[in-house]
């Protein structure tokens, strides 16, 4: 049952966008005007979870993703489905920008290609 519920949540997150009439922020605050302004300025209704889901569906199954800092690690943890072992490398501890460079080099060296 829990896995079925999680699959429903993944679908919901992958289809979320700011333009849906039913869109409600996940955290109740007064950010609604900021979201409306963002949509107006950017002309886009894509959310980070939707973009990650699109990338996840289209990236090579053996591609390695590396990331850190900001909201990316949390959203990756929520929606990313690794299709192969050792294809997900995320820095969580110190949220240091720039980890992706050293992390990517380490992934490449470890791959031995």
Protein backbone atom coordinates (compact mmCIF):
# COMPACT_ATOMS: atom_id res chain seq x y z
CA UNK A 1 0.00 0.00 0.00
CA UNK A 2 2.77 2.45 0.91
CA UNK A 3 4.54 1.87 -2.41
CA UNK A 4 1.29 2.50 -4.31
CA UNK A 5 0.77 5.73 -2.39
CA UNK A 6 4.34 6.80 -3.12
CA UNK A 7 3.86 6.10 -6.84
CA UNK A 8 0.76 8.35 -6.77
CA UNK A 9 2.81 11.06 -5.05
CA UNK A 10 5.56 10.78 -7.69
CA UNK A 11 2.96 11.24 -10.43
CA UNK A 12 1.49 14.25 -8.61
CA UNK A 13 4.91 15.87 -8.18
CA UNK A 14 5.89 15.21 -11.79
CA UNK A 15 2.74 16.93 -13.04
CA UNK A 16 2.70 19.93 -10.72
CA UNK A 17 2.90 23.35 -12.33
CA UNK A 18 2.06 26.88 -11.27
CA UNK A 19 -0.60 27.35 -13.90
CA UNK A 20 -3.00 24.61 -12.77
CA UNK A 21 -6.19 26.04 -11.32
CA UNK A 22 -5.86 23.60 -8.45
CA UNK A 23 -2.26 24.59 -7.66
CA UNK A 24 -1.69 25.25 -3.99
CA UNK A 25 1.75 25.75 -2.48
CA UNK A 26 2.83 22.83 -0.30
CA UNK A 27 3.63 25.22 2.53
CA UNK A 28 0.92 27.65 3.55
CA UNK A 29 2.37 31.16 3.51
CA UNK A 30 1.88 34.43 1.69
CA UNK A 31 4.10 33.43 -1.22
CA UNK A 32 1.19 33.33 -3.69
CA UNK A 33 1.96 36.80 -5.07
CA UNK A 34 5.62 35.85 -5.57
CA UNK A 35 4.61 32.72 -7.51
CA UNK A 36 2.25 34.75 -9.70
CA UNK A 37 4.99 37.31 -10.37
CA UNK A 38 7.50 34.55 -11.15
CA UNK A 39 5.08 33.00 -13.63
CA UNK A 40 4.46 36.39 -15.24
CA UNK A 41 8.18 37.25 -15.47
CA UNK A 42 9.37 33.86 -16.66
CA UNK A 43 6.43 32.82 -18.80
CA UNK A 44 6.86 29.33 -17.41
CA UNK A 45 4.82 27.18 -15.12
CA UNK A 46 7.44 24.46 -14.64
CA UNK A 47 8.26 23.43 -11.11
CA UNK A 48 11.60 21.96 -10.07
CA UNK A 49 9.98 18.57 -9.36
CA UNK A 50 8.40 18.52 -12.83
CA UNK A 51 11.70 19.39 -14.53
CA UNK A 52 13.53 16.69 -12.55
CA UNK A 53 10.86 14.15 -13.52
CA UNK A 54 11.20 15.07 -17.20
CA UNK A 55 14.99 14.74 -17.02
CA UNK A 56 14.68 11.43 -15.15
CA UNK A 57 12.41 10.03 -17.87
CA UNK A 58 14.74 11.10 -20.70
CA UNK A 59 18.26 10.65 -19.33
CA UNK A 60 20.29 7.54 -20.12
CA UNK A 61 19.57 4.86 -17.53
CA UNK A 62 23.27 4.56 -16.67
CA UNK A 63 23.94 8.33 -16.52
CA UNK A 64 25.22 9.61 -13.18
CA UNK A 65 23.59 12.66 -11.60
CA UNK A 66 25.63 14.80 -9.21
CA UNK A 67 24.30 17.73 -7.22
CA UNK A 68 24.26 19.78 -4.03
CA UNK A 69 23.06 22.97 -2.36
CA UNK A 70 19.71 24.68 -2.22
CA UNK A 71 16.45 22.82 -2.68
CA UNK A 72 17.84 20.45 -5.32
CA UNK A 73 18.95 17.67 -2.93
CA UNK A 74 15.54 17.55 -1.23
CA UNK A 75 13.62 17.47 -4.50
CA UNK A 76 16.00 14.93 -6.02
CA UNK A 77 15.49 12.72 -2.97
CA UNK A 78 11.72 13.06 -3.41
CA UNK A 79 11.36 12.34 -7.12
CA UNK A 80 14.53 10.85 -8.60
CA UNK A 81 14.38 7.16 -9.53
CA UNK A 82 17.87 5.75 -10.03
CA UNK A 83 17.67 3.00 -12.64
CA UNK A 84 21.16 1.62 -12.08
CA UNK A 85 23.37 1.30 -8.99
CA UNK A 86 25.85 4.12 -8.34
CA UNK A 87 24.09 6.64 -10.60
CA UNK A 88 22.97 9.08 -7.88
CA UNK A 89 25.55 11.23 -6.08
CA UNK A 90 24.20 14.02 -3.90
CA UNK A 91 25.90 16.11 -1.22
CA UNK A 92 23.59 16.68 1.75
CA UNK A 93 25.77 17.52 4.74
CA UNK A 94 27.02 21.04 4.24
CA UNK A 95 25.06 22.24 1.20
CA UNK A 96 28.22 23.57 -0.37
CA UNK A 97 27.90 25.07 -3.82
CA UNK A 98 30.58 23.80 -6.11
CA UNK A 99 30.52 20.22 -4.85
CA UNK A 100 29.25 19.21 -8.28
CA UNK A 101 32.66 19.93 -9.81
CA UNK A 102 34.71 17.84 -7.38
CA UNK A 103 31.93 15.26 -7.13
CA UNK A 104 31.74 14.87 -10.90
CA UNK A 105 35.51 14.46 -11.16
CA UNK A 106 35.39 11.83 -8.42
CA UNK A 107 32.56 9.97 -10.16
CA UNK A 108 34.51 10.00 -13.42
CA UNK A 109 37.71 8.76 -11.75
CA UNK A 110 35.82 6.02 -9.91
CA UNK A 111 34.16 4.86 -13.14
CA UNK A 112 37.57 4.06 -14.63
CA UNK A 113 36.48 4.85 -18.18
